[in-house]
Amino acid sequence: MEKVESLGEVSKWADANRDILELIFNRLNLMDITMRVSRVCISWFLASHKRALWNTVDLTKLQELDVSNSFVFKSKVRPIFFYKLQVDDDGGLHKNLLSKIISRFFHDFFEVEGGISLMNLLIEITKLSRMAPKTLFFHFNSYIQEKGLKFAAERMPNLEKLALPIWSYQTENSLRFAFSQWKNLKTLIIAHEHTFTGIFRFQAVGESCSNLTNLKYLGYLAEYNTSQMVRYLQSLKRLSLRCSLVSMEVVNKLITGLRNLTILNVSHCKNSFSFLPIEKSTENFVIAAATQKLEKFISCPQDCMICKDGCRYSWSYLAEDWRNDEIKELQF
């Protein structure tokens, strides 16, 4: 560098064409753009605001650290940290870093050296993306606090496709507020752990999202949820319950109750009462209803290997698989 300066040659990266910078930045991951290149110089900072870079905010591939399962937290607090910097080559944690993290937890700190909380990451993203995002995918294991959900809704009101994670402890009012901002929402993917997070209130969605035509629900679908879906989500055309716990009575109610439904996916579902895989040949009343009403009813053959493999229903497996779906509009 000293030799270059002595020759009077100065780097021109700061003067690079912004369209060229956009092409380069478009090959980087979200964390690189947000926490690195946008801070190099004013020119790169301005280039990082290009709307084309922020059409999709994908948090699903960020490296995470979750040590909260090792402790008992008050008020169901379950913080997740996303690393800004690469850890060791094995993808694990340096012991000294883990010690620092654990020690700071005992002092109620919510930031770690080399990491950033979900809330602060959302703040940094929206400084650059402004209101451009039309797609937002949370990490499967993200814990969205109430203020985080409201912040995302306020700063990203033009969303058309949204994937919510399993750890969302929300009040009815916060859900209603968030979805009132997302009036353009067309596709919603929900991973729902009812044991810890309680009932997901579809009324909050249906009251505001009249354009919602695609829904994927992953979890235990109770009778209450089903009744709310039928009552408030009449615009649905495509519904996937892939890998969920659901009774055949619930499936039948969805088929007959959702007037505009054309495609239903129950692949790899288990019966919520027996925990046995749903086989399409065993419940003739459901098949009859689907044949009469739907354009496509997607289910598994009796020898489905995924359904026979019980470990595939663990949350760790679903965390990797939830992006997949037999309905293309619900893939991400």
C-alpha atoms as a PDB file:
ATOM      1  CA  MET A   1       0.000   0.000   0.000  1.00  0.00           C
ATOM      2  CA  GLU A   2       2.872   2.351   0.843  1.00  0.00           C
ATOM      3  CA  LYS A   3       4.523   1.522  -2.489  1.00  0.00           C
ATOM      4  CA  VAL A   4       1.318   2.301  -4.378  1.00  0.00           C
ATOM      5  CA  GLU A   5       0.917   5.642  -2.609  1.00  0.00           C
ATOM      6  CA  SER A   6       4.549   6.519  -3.242  1.00  0.00           C
ATOM      7  CA  LEU A   7       3.910   6.114  -6.960  1.00  0.00           C
ATOM      8  CA  GLY A   8       1.011   8.502  -6.714  1.00  0.00           C
ATOM      9  CA  GLU A   9      -1.535   5.790  -7.511  1.00  0.00           C
ATOM     10  CA  VAL A  10      -4.725   5.981  -5.482  1.00  0.00           C
ATOM     11  CA  SER A  11      -7.373   3.272  -5.346  1.00  0.00           C
ATOM     12  CA  LYS A  12     -10.484   4.208  -7.324  1.00  0.00           C
ATOM     13  CA  TRP A  13     -12.860   1.740  -5.658  1.00  0.00           C
ATOM     14  CA  ALA A  14     -14.681   4.620  -4.000  1.00  0.00           C
ATOM     15  CA  ASP A  15     -15.345   6.061  -7.473  1.00  0.00           C
ATOM     16  CA  ALA A  16     -16.588   2.814  -9.014  1.00  0.00           C
ATOM     17  CA  ASN A  17     -19.807   2.998 -10.994  1.00  0.00           C
ATOM     18  CA  ARG A  18     -22.759   2.298  -8.705  1.00  0.00           C
ATOM     19  CA  ASP A  19     -24.390  -0.030 -11.210  1.00  0.00           C
ATOM     20  CA  ILE A  20     -21.218  -2.124 -11.207  1.00  0.00           C
ATOM     21  CA  LEU A  21     -21.144  -2.045  -7.411  1.00  0.00           C
ATOM     22  CA  GLU A  22     -24.757  -3.225  -7.379  1.00  0.00           C
ATOM     23  CA  LEU A  23     -23.832  -6.235  -9.516  1.00  0.00           C
ATOM     24  CA  ILE A  24     -20.998  -7.061  -7.127  1.00  0.00           C
ATOM     25  CA  PHE A  25     -23.080  -6.513  -3.995  1.00  0.00           C
ATOM     26  CA  ASN A  26     -25.832  -8.697  -5.428  1.00  0.00           C
ATOM     27  CA  ARG A  27     -23.478 -11.672  -5.118  1.00  0.00           C
ATOM     28  CA  LEU A  28     -22.837 -11.030  -1.446  1.00  0.00           C
ATOM     29  CA  ASN A  29     -24.891 -12.343   1.446  1.00  0.00           C
ATOM     30  CA  LEU A  30     -27.107 -10.132   3.562  1.00  0.00           C
ATOM     31  CA  MET A  31     -24.637  -9.862   6.438  1.00  0.00           C
ATOM     32  CA  ASP A  32     -21.785  -8.826   4.132  1.00  0.00           C
ATOM     33  CA  ILE A  33     -23.845  -6.001   2.651  1.00  0.00           C
ATOM     34  CA  THR A  34     -25.334  -4.824   5.937  1.00  0.00           C
ATOM     35  CA  MET A  35     -22.357  -5.023   8.264  1.00  0.00           C
ATOM     36  CA  ARG A  36     -19.352  -4.764   5.953  1.00  0.00           C
ATOM     37  CA  VAL A  37     -19.374  -3.222   2.472  1.00  0.00           C
ATOM     38  CA  SER A  38     -21.956  -0.566   3.339  1.00  0.00           C
ATOM     39  CA  ARG A  39     -19.454   0.807   5.873  1.00  0.00           C
ATOM     40  CA  VAL A  40     -16.406   1.020   3.621  1.00  0.00           C
ATOM     41  CA  CYS A  41     -17.009   4.522   2.252  1.00  0.00           C
ATOM     42  CA  ILE A  42     -19.808   6.916   1.372  1.00  0.00           C
ATOM     43  CA  SER A  43     -19.944   5.677  -2.227  1.00  0.00           C
ATOM     44  CA  TRP A  44     -20.391   2.069  -1.165  1.00  0.00           C
ATOM     45  CA  PHE A  45     -22.872   3.131   1.501  1.00  0.00           C
ATOM     46  CA  LEU A  46     -25.031   4.805  -1.134  1.00  0.00           C
ATOM     47  CA  ALA A  47     -24.699   1.827  -3.479  1.00  0.00           C
ATOM     48  CA  SER A  48     -25.927  -0.417  -0.662  1.00  0.00           C
ATOM     49  CA  HIS A  49     -29.273   1.400  -0.783  1.00  0.00           C
ATOM     50  CA  LYS A  50     -30.114   0.131  -4.281  1.00  0.00           C
ATOM     51  CA  ARG A  51     -33.678  -1.167  -4.166  1.00  0.00           C
ATOM     52  CA  ALA A  52     -32.822  -4.203  -6.294  1.00  0.00           C
ATOM     53  CA  LEU A  53     -30.575  -5.495  -3.502  1.00  0.00           C
ATOM     54  CA  TRP A  54     -33.418  -5.511  -0.999  1.00  0.00           C
ATOM     55  CA  ASN A  55     -36.353  -7.055  -2.825  1.00  0.00           C
ATOM     56  CA  THR A  56     -35.816 -10.126  -0.633  1.00  0.00           C
ATOM     57  CA  VAL A  57     -34.549 -10.137   2.954  1.00  0.00           C
ATOM     58  CA  ASP A  58     -33.516 -13.731   3.616  1.00  0.00           C
ATOM     59  CA  LEU A  59     -32.387 -14.502   7.159  1.00  0.00           C
ATOM     60  CA  THR A  60     -32.686 -18.272   6.791  1.00  0.00           C
ATOM     61  CA  LYS A  61     -29.025 -18.969   6.083  1.00  0.00           C
ATOM     62  CA  LEU A  62     -27.452 -16.836   8.777  1.00  0.00           C
ATOM     63  CA  GLN A  63     -25.222 -18.661  11.210  1.00  0.00           C
ATOM     64  CA  GLU A  64     -26.855 -18.713  14.615  1.00  0.00           C
ATOM     65  CA  LEU A  65     -25.942 -19.398  18.193  1.00  0.00           C
ATOM     66  CA  ASP A  66     -28.583 -20.443  20.698  1.00  0.00           C
ATOM     67  CA  VAL A  67     -27.490 -21.140  24.266  1.00  0.00           C
ATOM     68  CA  SER A  68     -30.862 -20.355  25.828  1.00  0.00           C
ATOM     69  CA  ASN A  69     -31.887 -24.012  26.108  1.00  0.00           C
ATOM     70  CA  SER A  70     -29.169 -24.399  28.731  1.00  0.00           C
ATOM     71  CA  PHE A  71     -30.804 -21.899  31.067  1.00  0.00           C
ATOM     72  CA  VAL A  72     -34.190 -20.971  32.444  1.00  0.00           C
ATOM     73  CA  PHE A  73     -35.236 -17.558  31.154  1.00  0.00           C
ATOM     74  CA  LYS A  74     -37.927 -15.342  32.547  1.00  0.00           C
ATOM     75  CA  SER A  75     -41.036 -14.515  30.493  1.00  0.00           C
ATOM     76  CA  LYS A  76     -40.147 -17.083  27.812  1.00  0.00           C
ATOM     77  CA  VAL A  77     -37.253 -14.982  26.589  1.00  0.00           C
ATOM     78  CA  ARG A  78     -35.394 -17.009  23.988  1.00  0.00           C
ATOM     79  CA  PRO A  79     -32.711 -14.821  22.389  1.00  0.00           C
ATOM     80  CA  ILE A  80     -30.875 -15.915  19.242  1.00  0.00           C
ATOM     81  CA  PHE A  81     -27.610 -14.405  18.049  1.00  0.00           C
ATOM     82  CA  PHE A  82     -26.464 -14.205  14.456  1.00  0.00           C
ATOM     83  CA  TYR A  83     -22.745 -14.049  13.859  1.00  0.00           C
ATOM     84  CA  LYS A  84     -21.209 -11.261  11.847  1.00  0.00           C
ATOM     85  CA  LEU A  85     -17.847 -12.987  11.595  1.00  0.00           C
ATOM     86  CA  GLN A  86     -16.857 -16.514  10.623  1.00  0.00           C
ATOM     87  CA  VAL A  87     -16.140 -18.823  13.546  1.00  0.00           C
ATOM     88  CA  ASP A  88     -13.703 -21.748  13.440  1.00  0.00           C
ATOM     89  CA  ASP A  89     -13.424 -23.980  10.394  1.00  0.00           C
ATOM     90  CA  ASP A  90     -15.420 -26.792  11.962  1.00  0.00           C
ATOM     91  CA  GLY A  91     -18.453 -24.530  12.282  1.00  0.00           C
ATOM     92  CA  GLY A  92     -18.316 -24.812  16.061  1.00  0.00           C
ATOM     93  CA  LEU A  93     -17.522 -22.310  18.787  1.00  0.00           C
ATOM     94  CA  HIS A  94     -14.187 -21.446  20.298  1.00  0.00           C
ATOM     95  CA  LYS A  95     -14.348 -22.427  23.950  1.00  0.00           C
ATOM     96  CA  ASN A  96     -13.214 -19.026  25.146  1.00  0.00           C
ATOM     97  CA  LEU A  97     -15.948 -17.304  23.122  1.00  0.00           C
ATOM     98  CA  LEU A  98     -18.587 -19.647  24.528  1.00  0.00           C
ATOM     99  CA  SER A  99     -17.367 -18.872  28.046  1.00  0.00           C
ATOM    100  CA  LYS A 100     -17.727 -15.151  27.381  1.00  0.00           C
ATOM    101  CA  ILE A 101     -21.251 -15.644  26.065  1.00  0.00           C
ATOM    102  CA  ILE A 102     -22.385 -17.728  29.031  1.00  0.00           C
ATOM    103  CA  SER A 103     -20.831 -15.366  31.554  1.00  0.00           C
ATOM    104  CA  ARG A 104     -22.542 -12.380  29.950  1.00  0.00           C
ATOM    105  CA  PHE A 105     -25.898 -14.140  30.019  1.00  0.00           C
ATOM    106  CA  PHE A 106     -25.704 -14.283  33.787  1.00  0.00           C
ATOM    107  CA  HIS A 107     -25.451 -10.488  33.730  1.00  0.00           C
ATOM    108  CA  ASP A 108     -28.509 -10.152  31.474  1.00  0.00           C
ATOM    109  CA  PHE A 109     -26.604  -8.896  28.438  1.00  0.00           C
ATOM    110  CA  PHE A 110     -28.192  -9.531  25.074  1.00  0.00           C
ATOM    111  CA  GLU A 111     -25.219  -8.873  22.822  1.00  0.00           C
ATOM    112  CA  VAL A 112     -22.147 -11.027  22.335  1.00  0.00           C
ATOM    113  CA  GLU A 113     -18.718 -10.324  20.991  1.00  0.00           C
ATOM    114  CA  GLY A 114     -18.821 -10.955  17.246  1.00  0.00           C
ATOM    115  CA  GLY A 115     -22.602 -11.249  17.117  1.00  0.00           C
ATOM    116  CA  ILE A 116     -25.743  -9.197  16.690  1.00  0.00           C
ATOM    117  CA  SER A 117     -29.270  -9.663  17.997  1.00  0.00           C
ATOM    118  CA  LEU A 118     -32.215 -10.104  15.637  1.00  0.00           C
ATOM    119  CA  MET A 119     -33.699  -6.741  16.628  1.00  0.00           C
ATOM    120  CA  ASN A 120     -30.467  -4.857  15.967  1.00  0.00           C
ATOM    121  CA  LEU A 121     -29.985  -6.711  12.705  1.00  0.00           C
ATOM    122  CA  LEU A 122     -33.446  -5.618  11.553  1.00  0.00           C
ATOM    123  CA  ILE A 123     -32.553  -2.027  12.431  1.00  0.00           C
ATOM    124  CA  GLU A 124     -29.365  -2.200  10.364  1.00  0.00           C
ATOM    125  CA  ILE A 125     -31.152  -3.825   7.418  1.00  0.00           C
ATOM    126  CA  THR A 126     -33.923  -1.243   7.292  1.00  0.00           C
ATOM    127  CA  LYS A 127     -31.413   1.605   7.288  1.00  0.00           C
ATOM    128  CA  LEU A 128     -30.381   0.382   3.847  1.00  0.00           C
ATOM    129  CA  SER A 129     -33.497  -1.331   2.516  1.00  0.00           C
ATOM    130  CA  ARG A 130     -35.968   1.331   3.645  1.00  0.00           C
ATOM    131  CA  MET A 131     -39.406   0.181   2.414  1.00  0.00           C
ATOM    132  CA  ALA A 132     -38.159  -1.832  -0.573  1.00  0.00           C
ATOM    133  CA  PRO A 133     -38.540  -5.449   0.660  1.00  0.00           C
ATOM    134  CA  LYS A 134     -41.372  -7.469  -0.805  1.00  0.00           C
ATOM    135  CA  THR A 135     -40.182 -10.748   0.674  1.00  0.00           C
ATOM    136  CA  LEU A 136     -39.035 -11.493   4.229  1.00  0.00           C
ATOM    137  CA  PHE A 137     -37.894 -14.915   5.421  1.00  0.00           C
ATOM    138  CA  PHE A 138     -36.985 -15.266   9.088  1.00  0.00           C
ATOM    139  CA  HIS A 139     -34.585 -17.928  10.301  1.00  0.00           C
ATOM    140  CA  PHE A 140     -36.531 -21.027  11.377  1.00  0.00           C
ATOM    141  CA  ASN A 141     -35.320 -20.700  14.980  1.00  0.00           C
ATOM    142  CA  SER A 142     -35.564 -16.921  15.255  1.00  0.00           C
ATOM    143  CA  TYR A 143     -37.197 -15.584  18.378  1.00  0.00           C
ATOM    144  CA  ILE A 144     -39.251 -12.564  17.352  1.00  0.00           C
ATOM    145  CA  GLN A 145     -40.080 -10.383  20.292  1.00  0.00           C
ATOM    146  CA  GLU A 146     -43.171  -8.212  20.132  1.00  0.00           C
ATOM    147  CA  LYS A 147     -41.217  -5.035  19.427  1.00  0.00           C
ATOM    148  CA  GLY A 148     -39.269  -6.812  16.682  1.00  0.00           C
ATOM    149  CA  LEU A 149     -42.414  -7.916  14.870  1.00  0.00           C
ATOM    150  CA  LYS A 150     -43.907  -4.417  15.082  1.00  0.00           C
ATOM    151  CA  PHE A 151     -40.649  -2.876  13.872  1.00  0.00           C
ATOM    152  CA  ALA A 152     -40.471  -5.208  10.859  1.00  0.00           C
ATOM    153  CA  ALA A 153     -44.098  -4.461  10.002  1.00  0.00           C
ATOM    154  CA  GLU A 154     -43.615  -0.692  10.191  1.00  0.00           C
ATOM    155  CA  ARG A 155     -40.378  -0.636   8.188  1.00  0.00           C
ATOM    156  CA  MET A 156     -41.345  -3.299   5.626  1.00  0.00           C
ATOM    157  CA  PRO A 157     -45.022  -2.577   4.903  1.00  0.00           C
ATOM    158  CA  ASN A 158     -44.921  -3.709   1.256  1.00  0.00           C
ATOM    159  CA  LEU A 159     -44.301  -7.399   1.919  1.00  0.00           C
ATOM    160  CA  GLU A 160     -45.976  -9.870  -0.415  1.00  0.00           C
ATOM    161  CA  LYS A 161     -44.331 -13.041   0.909  1.00  0.00           C
ATOM    162  CA  LEU A 162     -43.477 -13.742   4.554  1.00  0.00           C
ATOM    163  CA  ALA A 163     -42.056 -16.736   6.451  1.00  0.00           C
ATOM    164  CA  LEU A 164     -42.504 -16.648  10.241  1.00  0.00           C
ATOM    165  CA  PRO A 165     -40.462 -18.933  12.557  1.00  0.00           C
ATOM    166  CA  ILE A 166     -41.506 -21.264  15.364  1.00  0.00           C
ATOM    167  CA  TRP A 167     -40.469 -19.003  18.263  1.00  0.00           C
ATOM    168  CA  SER A 168     -42.960 -16.133  18.143  1.00  0.00           C
ATOM    169  CA  TYR A 169     -44.493 -15.255  21.496  1.00  0.00           C
ATOM    170  CA  GLN A 170     -46.959 -12.624  20.408  1.00  0.00           C
ATOM    171  CA  THR A 171     -50.025 -11.020  21.881  1.00  0.00           C
ATOM    172  CA  GLU A 172     -53.179 -10.793  19.825  1.00  0.00           C
ATOM    173  CA  ASN A 173     -52.765  -7.012  19.596  1.00  0.00           C
ATOM    174  CA  SER A 174     -49.207  -7.231  18.252  1.00  0.00           C
ATOM    175  CA  LEU A 175     -50.240  -9.749  15.595  1.00  0.00           C
ATOM    176  CA  ARG A 176     -53.181  -7.601  14.596  1.00  0.00           C
ATOM    177  CA  PHE A 177     -50.951  -4.537  14.328  1.00  0.00           C
ATOM    178  CA  ALA A 178     -48.299  -6.335  12.262  1.00  0.00           C
ATOM    179  CA  PHE A 179     -50.697  -7.785   9.719  1.00  0.00           C
ATOM    180  CA  SER A 180     -52.566  -4.494   9.475  1.00  0.00           C
ATOM    181  CA  GLN A 181     -49.359  -3.120   7.932  1.00  0.00           C
ATOM    182  CA  TRP A 182     -49.005  -6.049   5.508  1.00  0.00           C
ATOM    183  CA  LYS A 183     -52.103  -5.465   3.431  1.00  0.00           C
ATOM    184  CA  ASN A 184     -50.297  -6.566   0.237  1.00  0.00           C
ATOM    185  CA  LEU A 185     -49.419  -9.984   1.643  1.00  0.00           C
ATOM    186  CA  LYS A 186     -50.124 -12.803  -0.817  1.00  0.00           C
ATOM    187  CA  THR A 187     -48.104 -15.690   0.621  1.00  0.00           C
ATOM    188  CA  LEU A 188     -47.662 -16.597   4.292  1.00  0.00           C
ATOM    189  CA  ILE A 189     -45.521 -19.441   5.669  1.00  0.00           C
ATOM    190  CA  ILE A 190     -45.864 -20.216   9.385  1.00  0.00           C
ATOM    191  CA  ALA A 191     -43.844 -22.653  11.468  1.00  0.00           C
ATOM    192  CA  HIS A 192     -45.747 -22.892  14.745  1.00  0.00           C
ATOM    193  CA  GLU A 193     -44.732 -24.591  18.007  1.00  0.00           C
ATOM    194  CA  HIS A 194     -48.035 -24.424  19.872  1.00  0.00           C
ATOM    195  CA  THR A 195     -46.678 -26.027  23.057  1.00  0.00           C
ATOM    196  CA  PHE A 196     -44.626 -22.932  23.868  1.00  0.00           C
ATOM    197  CA  THR A 197     -46.155 -20.178  21.769  1.00  0.00           C
ATOM    198  CA  GLY A 198     -49.867 -20.827  22.192  1.00  0.00           C
ATOM    199  CA  ILE A 199     -52.548 -20.345  19.552  1.00  0.00           C
ATOM    200  CA  PHE A 200     -51.786 -18.565  16.296  1.00  0.00           C
ATOM    201  CA  ARG A 201     -54.716 -16.235  15.681  1.00  0.00           C
ATOM    202  CA  PHE A 202     -55.640 -16.302  12.004  1.00  0.00           C
ATOM    203  CA  GLN A 203     -58.271 -13.652  12.642  1.00  0.00           C
ATOM    204  CA  ALA A 204     -55.455 -11.103  12.869  1.00  0.00           C
ATOM    205  CA  VAL A 205     -54.337 -12.159   9.386  1.00  0.00           C
ATOM    206  CA  GLY A 206     -57.740 -12.364   7.751  1.00  0.00           C
ATOM    207  CA  GLU A 207     -58.917  -8.965   8.991  1.00  0.00           C
ATOM    208  CA  SER A 208     -56.235  -7.145   6.987  1.00  0.00           C
ATOM    209  CA  CYS A 209     -54.777  -9.449   4.329  1.00  0.00           C
ATOM    210  CA  SER A 210     -57.577  -9.788   1.792  1.00  0.00           C
ATOM    211  CA  ASN A 211     -55.028 -10.613  -0.947  1.00  0.00           C
ATOM    212  CA  LEU A 212     -53.679 -13.681   0.868  1.00  0.00           C
ATOM    213  CA  THR A 213     -54.048 -16.616  -1.529  1.00  0.00           C
ATOM    214  CA  ASN A 214     -51.183 -18.907  -0.437  1.00  0.00           C
ATOM    215  CA  LEU A 215     -50.685 -20.334   3.051  1.00  0.00           C
ATOM    216  CA  LYS A 216     -48.326 -22.915   4.502  1.00  0.00           C
ATOM    217  CA  TYR A 217     -48.826 -24.004   8.098  1.00  0.00           C
ATOM    218  CA  LEU A 218     -46.274 -26.273   9.744  1.00  0.00           C
ATOM    219  CA  GLY A 219     -47.179 -27.551  13.197  1.00  0.00           C
ATOM    220  CA  TYR A 220     -50.186 -28.905  15.086  1.00  0.00           C
ATOM    221  CA  LEU A 221     -53.418 -27.728  13.476  1.00  0.00           C
ATOM    222  CA  ALA A 222     -56.075 -27.685  16.173  1.00  0.00           C
ATOM    223  CA  GLU A 223     -59.818 -27.382  15.690  1.00  0.00           C
ATOM    224  CA  TYR A 224     -59.741 -23.752  16.865  1.00  0.00           C
ATOM    225  CA  ASN A 225     -57.138 -22.816  14.236  1.00  0.00           C
ATOM    226  CA  THR A 226     -59.124 -24.612  11.565  1.00  0.00           C
ATOM    227  CA  SER A 227     -62.319 -22.758  12.420  1.00  0.00           C
ATOM    228  CA  GLN A 228     -60.488 -19.427  12.249  1.00  0.00           C
ATOM    229  CA  MET A 229     -58.934 -20.306   8.890  1.00  0.00           C
ATOM    230  CA  VAL A 230     -62.303 -21.205   7.429  1.00  0.00           C
ATOM    231  CA  ARG A 231     -63.930 -18.084   8.828  1.00  0.00           C
ATOM    232  CA  TYR A 232     -61.257 -15.478   8.053  1.00  0.00           C
ATOM    233  CA  LEU A 233     -59.154 -16.813   5.156  1.00  0.00           C
ATOM    234  CA  GLN A 234     -61.728 -17.344   2.434  1.00  0.00           C
ATOM    235  CA  SER A 235     -59.386 -15.893  -0.189  1.00  0.00           C
ATOM    236  CA  LEU A 236     -57.047 -18.892   0.078  1.00  0.00           C
ATOM    237  CA  LYS A 237     -56.449 -20.811  -3.143  1.00  0.00           C
ATOM    238  CA  ARG A 238     -53.412 -22.880  -2.166  1.00  0.00           C
ATOM    239  CA  LEU A 239     -52.885 -24.419   1.262  1.00  0.00           C
ATOM    240  CA  SER A 240     -50.039 -26.642   2.438  1.00  0.00           C
ATOM    241  CA  LEU A 241     -50.016 -28.547   5.733  1.00  0.00           C
ATOM    242  CA  ARG A 242     -46.839 -30.421   4.798  1.00  0.00           C
ATOM    243  CA  CYS A 243     -45.326 -32.311   7.770  1.00  0.00           C
ATOM    244  CA  SER A 244     -48.033 -31.100  10.170  1.00  0.00           C
ATOM    245  CA  LEU A 245     -50.095 -32.889  12.816  1.00  0.00           C
ATOM    246  CA  VAL A 246     -53.693 -32.839  11.584  1.00  0.00           C
ATOM    247  CA  SER A 247     -56.841 -34.990  11.797  1.00  0.00           C
ATOM    248  CA  MET A 248     -58.747 -36.109   8.717  1.00  0.00           C
ATOM    249  CA  GLU A 249     -61.826 -34.318  10.077  1.00  0.00           C
ATOM    250  CA  VAL A 250     -59.842 -31.076  10.031  1.00  0.00           C
ATOM    251  CA  VAL A 251     -58.686 -31.763   6.461  1.00  0.00           C
ATOM    252  CA  ASN A 252     -62.267 -32.353   5.403  1.00  0.00           C
ATOM    253  CA  LYS A 253     -63.412 -29.149   7.089  1.00  0.00           C
ATOM    254  CA  LEU A 254     -60.787 -27.149   5.206  1.00  0.00           C
ATOM    255  CA  ILE A 255     -61.745 -28.684   1.876  1.00  0.00           C
ATOM    256  CA  THR A 256     -65.443 -28.019   2.303  1.00  0.00           C
ATOM    257  CA  GLY A 257     -65.155 -24.721   4.177  1.00  0.00           C
ATOM    258  CA  LEU A 258     -62.628 -22.769   2.090  1.00  0.00           C
ATOM    259  CA  ARG A 259     -64.717 -21.811  -0.931  1.00  0.00           C
ATOM    260  CA  ASN A 260     -61.848 -20.711  -3.205  1.00  0.00           C
ATOM    261  CA  LEU A 261     -59.401 -23.480  -2.326  1.00  0.00           C
ATOM    262  CA  THR A 262     -58.025 -25.255  -5.397  1.00  0.00           C
ATOM    263  CA  ILE A 263     -54.862 -27.011  -4.149  1.00  0.00           C
ATOM    264  CA  LEU A 264     -54.289 -28.741  -0.799  1.00  0.00           C
ATOM    265  CA  ASN A 265     -51.039 -30.417   0.228  1.00  0.00           C
ATOM    266  CA  VAL A 266     -51.074 -32.916   3.107  1.00  0.00           C
ATOM    267  CA  SER A 267     -47.783 -34.613   2.213  1.00  0.00           C
ATOM    268  CA  HIS A 268     -45.939 -36.205   5.161  1.00  0.00           C
ATOM    269  CA  CYS A 269     -48.662 -35.227   7.627  1.00  0.00           C
ATOM    270  CA  LYS A 270     -49.377 -37.285  10.727  1.00  0.00           C
ATOM    271  CA  ASN A 271     -52.723 -37.864  12.348  1.00  0.00           C
ATOM    272  CA  SER A 272     -52.952 -35.632  15.417  1.00  0.00           C
ATOM    273  CA  PHE A 273     -54.666 -38.391  17.430  1.00  0.00           C
ATOM    274  CA  SER A 274     -52.737 -41.528  16.501  1.00  0.00           C
ATOM    275  CA  PHE A 275     -49.497 -39.886  15.317  1.00  0.00           C
ATOM    276  CA  LEU A 276     -49.556 -42.307  12.383  1.00  0.00           C
ATOM    277  CA  PRO A 277     -48.883 -41.091   8.829  1.00  0.00           C
ATOM    278  CA  ILE A 278     -51.971 -40.005   6.913  1.00  0.00           C
ATOM    279  CA  GLU A 279     -52.620 -42.411   4.037  1.00  0.00           C
ATOM    280  CA  LYS A 280     -54.866 -41.125   1.303  1.00  0.00           C
ATOM    281  CA  SER A 281     -56.661 -44.450   0.805  1.00  0.00           C
ATOM    282  CA  THR A 282     -57.931 -44.830   4.384  1.00  0.00           C
ATOM    283  CA  GLU A 283     -60.414 -41.969   4.618  1.00  0.00           C
ATOM    284  CA  ASN A 284     -62.805 -42.186   1.682  1.00  0.00           C
ATOM    285  CA  PHE A 285     -64.924 -39.213   2.785  1.00  0.00           C
ATOM    286  CA  VAL A 286     -61.893 -36.925   2.499  1.00  0.00           C
ATOM    287  CA  ILE A 287     -60.920 -38.302  -0.897  1.00  0.00           C
ATOM    288  CA  ALA A 288     -64.485 -37.851  -2.110  1.00  0.00           C
ATOM    289  CA  ALA A 289     -64.598 -34.244  -0.929  1.00  0.00           C
ATOM    290  CA  ALA A 290     -61.193 -33.476  -2.453  1.00  0.00           C
ATOM    291  CA  THR A 291     -62.072 -35.097  -5.783  1.00  0.00           C
ATOM    292  CA  GLN A 292     -65.304 -33.157  -6.030  1.00  0.00           C
ATOM    293  CA  LYS A 293     -63.906 -29.783  -4.951  1.00  0.00           C
ATOM    294  CA  LEU A 294     -60.170 -29.424  -5.637  1.00  0.00           C
ATOM    295  CA  GLU A 295     -58.049 -29.196  -8.740  1.00  0.00           C
ATOM    296  CA  LYS A 296     -55.202 -30.961  -6.930  1.00  0.00           C
ATOM    297  CA  PHE A 297     -55.023 -32.925  -3.683  1.00  0.00           C
ATOM    298  CA  ILE A 298     -51.415 -33.774  -2.796  1.00  0.00           C
ATOM    299  CA  SER A 299     -50.723 -36.614  -0.380  1.00  0.00           C
ATOM    300  CA  CYS A 300     -48.239 -39.428   0.130  1.00  0.00           C
ATOM    301  CA  PRO A 301     -48.316 -43.015  -1.110  1.00  0.00           C
ATOM    302  CA  GLN A 302     -48.605 -45.667   1.571  1.00  0.00           C
ATOM    303  CA  ASP A 303     -44.917 -46.543   1.234  1.00  0.00           C
ATOM    304  CA  CYS A 304     -43.644 -42.959   1.669  1.00  0.00           C
ATOM    305  CA  MET A 305     -40.147 -43.213   3.148  1.00  0.00           C
ATOM    306  CA  ILE A 306     -40.308 -39.768   4.767  1.00  0.00           C
ATOM    307  CA  CYS A 307     -43.457 -40.711   6.665  1.00  0.00           C
ATOM    308  CA  LYS A 308     -41.900 -43.984   7.811  1.00  0.00           C
ATOM    309  CA  ASP A 309     -38.843 -42.215   9.194  1.00  0.00           C
ATOM    310  CA  GLY A 310     -39.977 -40.836  12.554  1.00  0.00           C
ATOM    311  CA  CYS A 311     -36.861 -38.739  13.121  1.00  0.00           C
ATOM    312  CA  ARG A 312     -37.768 -36.636  10.106  1.00  0.00           C
ATOM    313  CA  TYR A 313     -40.505 -35.048  12.200  1.00  0.00           C
ATOM    314  CA  SER A 314     -38.049 -33.483  14.616  1.00  0.00           C
ATOM    315  CA  TRP A 315     -37.762 -29.698  14.652  1.00  0.00           C
ATOM    316  CA  SER A 316     -34.107 -29.997  13.638  1.00  0.00           C
ATOM    317  CA  TYR A 317     -35.104 -31.840  10.469  1.00  0.00           C
ATOM    318  CA  LEU A 318     -37.982 -29.485   9.741  1.00  0.00           C
ATOM    319  CA  ALA A 319     -35.650 -26.507  10.158  1.00  0.00           C
ATOM    320  CA  GLU A 320     -33.817 -27.739   7.067  1.00  0.00           C
ATOM    321  CA  ASP A 321     -36.890 -28.923   5.186  1.00  0.00           C
ATOM    322  CA  TRP A 322     -39.452 -26.153   5.710  1.00  0.00           C
ATOM    323  CA  ARG A 323     -38.305 -24.300   2.578  1.00  0.00           C
ATOM    324  CA  ASN A 324     -39.479 -27.228   0.439  1.00  0.00           C
ATOM    325  CA  ASP A 325     -43.010 -27.773  -0.745  1.00  0.00           C
ATOM    326  CA  GLU A 326     -44.897 -29.564  -3.499  1.00  0.00           C
ATOM    327  CA  ILE A 327     -46.755 -26.288  -4.186  1.00  0.00           C
ATOM    328  CA  LYS A 328     -44.290 -24.017  -5.990  1.00  0.00           C
ATOM    329  CA  GLU A 329     -45.789 -20.795  -4.635  1.00  0.00           C
ATOM    330  CA  LEU A 330     -44.953 -22.000  -1.123  1.00  0.00           C
ATOM    331  CA  GLN A 331     -41.318 -22.832  -1.775  1.00  0.00           C
ATOM    332  CA  PHE A 332     -38.675 -20.348  -0.720  1.00  0.00           C
END
